[in-house]
Amino acid sequence: MAISNKHPGELAERLARRLTRPGERRPADGWRRESFTLPREKAREKAREFFDDFPKAAYMTEIESWRELSDGQIEFTMRRLPSAD
């Protein structure tokens, strides 16, 4: 069966549909992500709580990204596997 794509955009759209779940914009890569925007100390507490609830050894938990906003708050995303074996 030959697949015909008249435009590169059609191929890109088809591949993007394969990588995303219906109704979601993020790729279906198996990771669970939660994003937070908190004052610095609260952000540290939330990250520690997240690591306590989902230990790195079992869930491969990590801070995927973070940045300091102009108002001094920290915006960050925690990433983990959905379950431990």
Protein backbone atom coordinates (compact mmCIF):
# COMPACT_ATOMS: atom_id res chain seq x y z
CA MET A 1 0.00 0.00 0.00
CA ALA A 2 1.49 3.31 -1.07
CA ILE A 3 0.95 6.36 1.09
CA SER A 4 0.64 9.58 -0.82
CA ASN A 5 1.33 12.93 0.81
CA LYS A 6 0.84 15.88 -1.47
CA HIS A 7 2.40 18.32 0.98
CA PRO A 8 4.98 17.96 3.75
CA GLY A 9 2.41 19.43 6.15
CA GLU A 10 0.12 16.44 5.56
CA LEU A 11 2.87 14.06 6.62
CA ALA A 12 3.60 16.17 9.70
CA GLU A 13 -0.08 16.21 10.69
CA ARG A 14 -0.40 12.45 10.25
CA LEU A 15 2.69 11.79 12.38
CA ALA A 16 1.50 14.22 15.05
CA ARG A 17 -1.84 12.38 15.26
CA ARG A 18 0.02 9.12 15.91
CA LEU A 19 1.99 10.66 18.77
CA THR A 20 -0.89 12.29 20.62
CA ARG A 21 -3.88 10.90 22.43
CA PRO A 22 -7.33 12.14 21.41
CA GLY A 23 -8.11 15.41 23.16
CA GLU A 24 -4.49 16.02 24.28
CA ARG A 25 -1.90 18.34 22.83
CA ARG A 26 1.17 16.64 24.37
CA PRO A 27 2.78 13.55 22.88
CA ALA A 28 1.70 10.23 24.38
CA ASP A 29 5.19 9.42 25.66
CA GLY A 30 4.19 7.53 28.82
CA TRP A 31 5.19 10.25 31.31
CA ARG A 32 2.81 11.95 33.74
CA ARG A 33 3.45 15.64 34.17
CA GLU A 34 2.19 18.21 36.64
CA SER A 35 2.97 21.90 36.41
CA PHE A 36 2.97 24.39 39.28
CA THR A 37 3.50 28.11 39.82
CA LEU A 38 4.38 28.89 43.43
CA PRO A 39 6.48 31.21 45.57
CA ARG A 40 10.06 29.91 45.90
CA GLU A 41 9.70 28.25 49.34
CA LYS A 42 6.33 26.70 48.46
CA ALA A 43 7.84 25.43 45.19
CA ARG A 44 10.63 23.70 47.13
CA GLU A 45 8.09 22.15 49.49
CA LYS A 46 5.94 20.93 46.59
CA ALA A 47 8.95 19.39 44.81
CA ARG A 48 10.04 17.59 48.01
CA GLU A 49 6.48 16.35 48.53
CA PHE A 50 6.38 15.09 44.94
CA PHE A 51 9.67 13.20 45.39
CA ASP A 52 8.37 11.74 48.68
CA ASP A 53 5.12 10.59 47.05
CA PHE A 54 6.82 9.31 43.88
CA PRO A 55 10.41 8.24 44.69
CA LYS A 56 12.92 8.70 41.88
CA ALA A 57 14.07 5.06 42.09
CA ALA A 58 10.56 3.72 41.41
CA TYR A 59 8.98 6.41 39.24
CA MET A 60 12.02 8.09 37.63
CA THR A 61 10.68 11.36 39.03
CA GLU A 62 12.41 14.56 38.00
CA ILE A 63 11.93 18.28 37.63
CA GLU A 64 11.54 18.50 33.88
CA SER A 65 11.74 22.28 33.61
CA TRP A 66 11.63 25.38 35.77
CA ARG A 67 11.93 29.15 35.51
CA GLU A 68 11.67 32.17 37.73
CA LEU A 69 8.88 34.54 36.74
CA SER A 70 9.14 38.34 36.91
CA ASP A 71 7.10 38.37 40.14
CA GLY A 72 9.60 36.00 41.82
CA GLN A 73 7.40 32.91 41.64
CA ILE A 74 8.79 29.64 40.30
CA GLU A 75 7.01 27.88 37.45
CA PHE A 76 8.03 24.23 37.18
CA THR A 77 6.95 20.91 35.73
CA MET A 78 7.45 17.59 37.52
CA ARG A 79 7.62 14.42 35.45
CA ARG A 80 7.20 10.79 36.55
CA LEU A 81 6.22 7.38 35.27
CA PRO A 82 2.58 6.47 35.94
CA SER A 83 3.33 3.46 38.15
CA ALA A 84 6.15 1.44 39.66
CA ASP A 85 6.82 -2.20 38.83
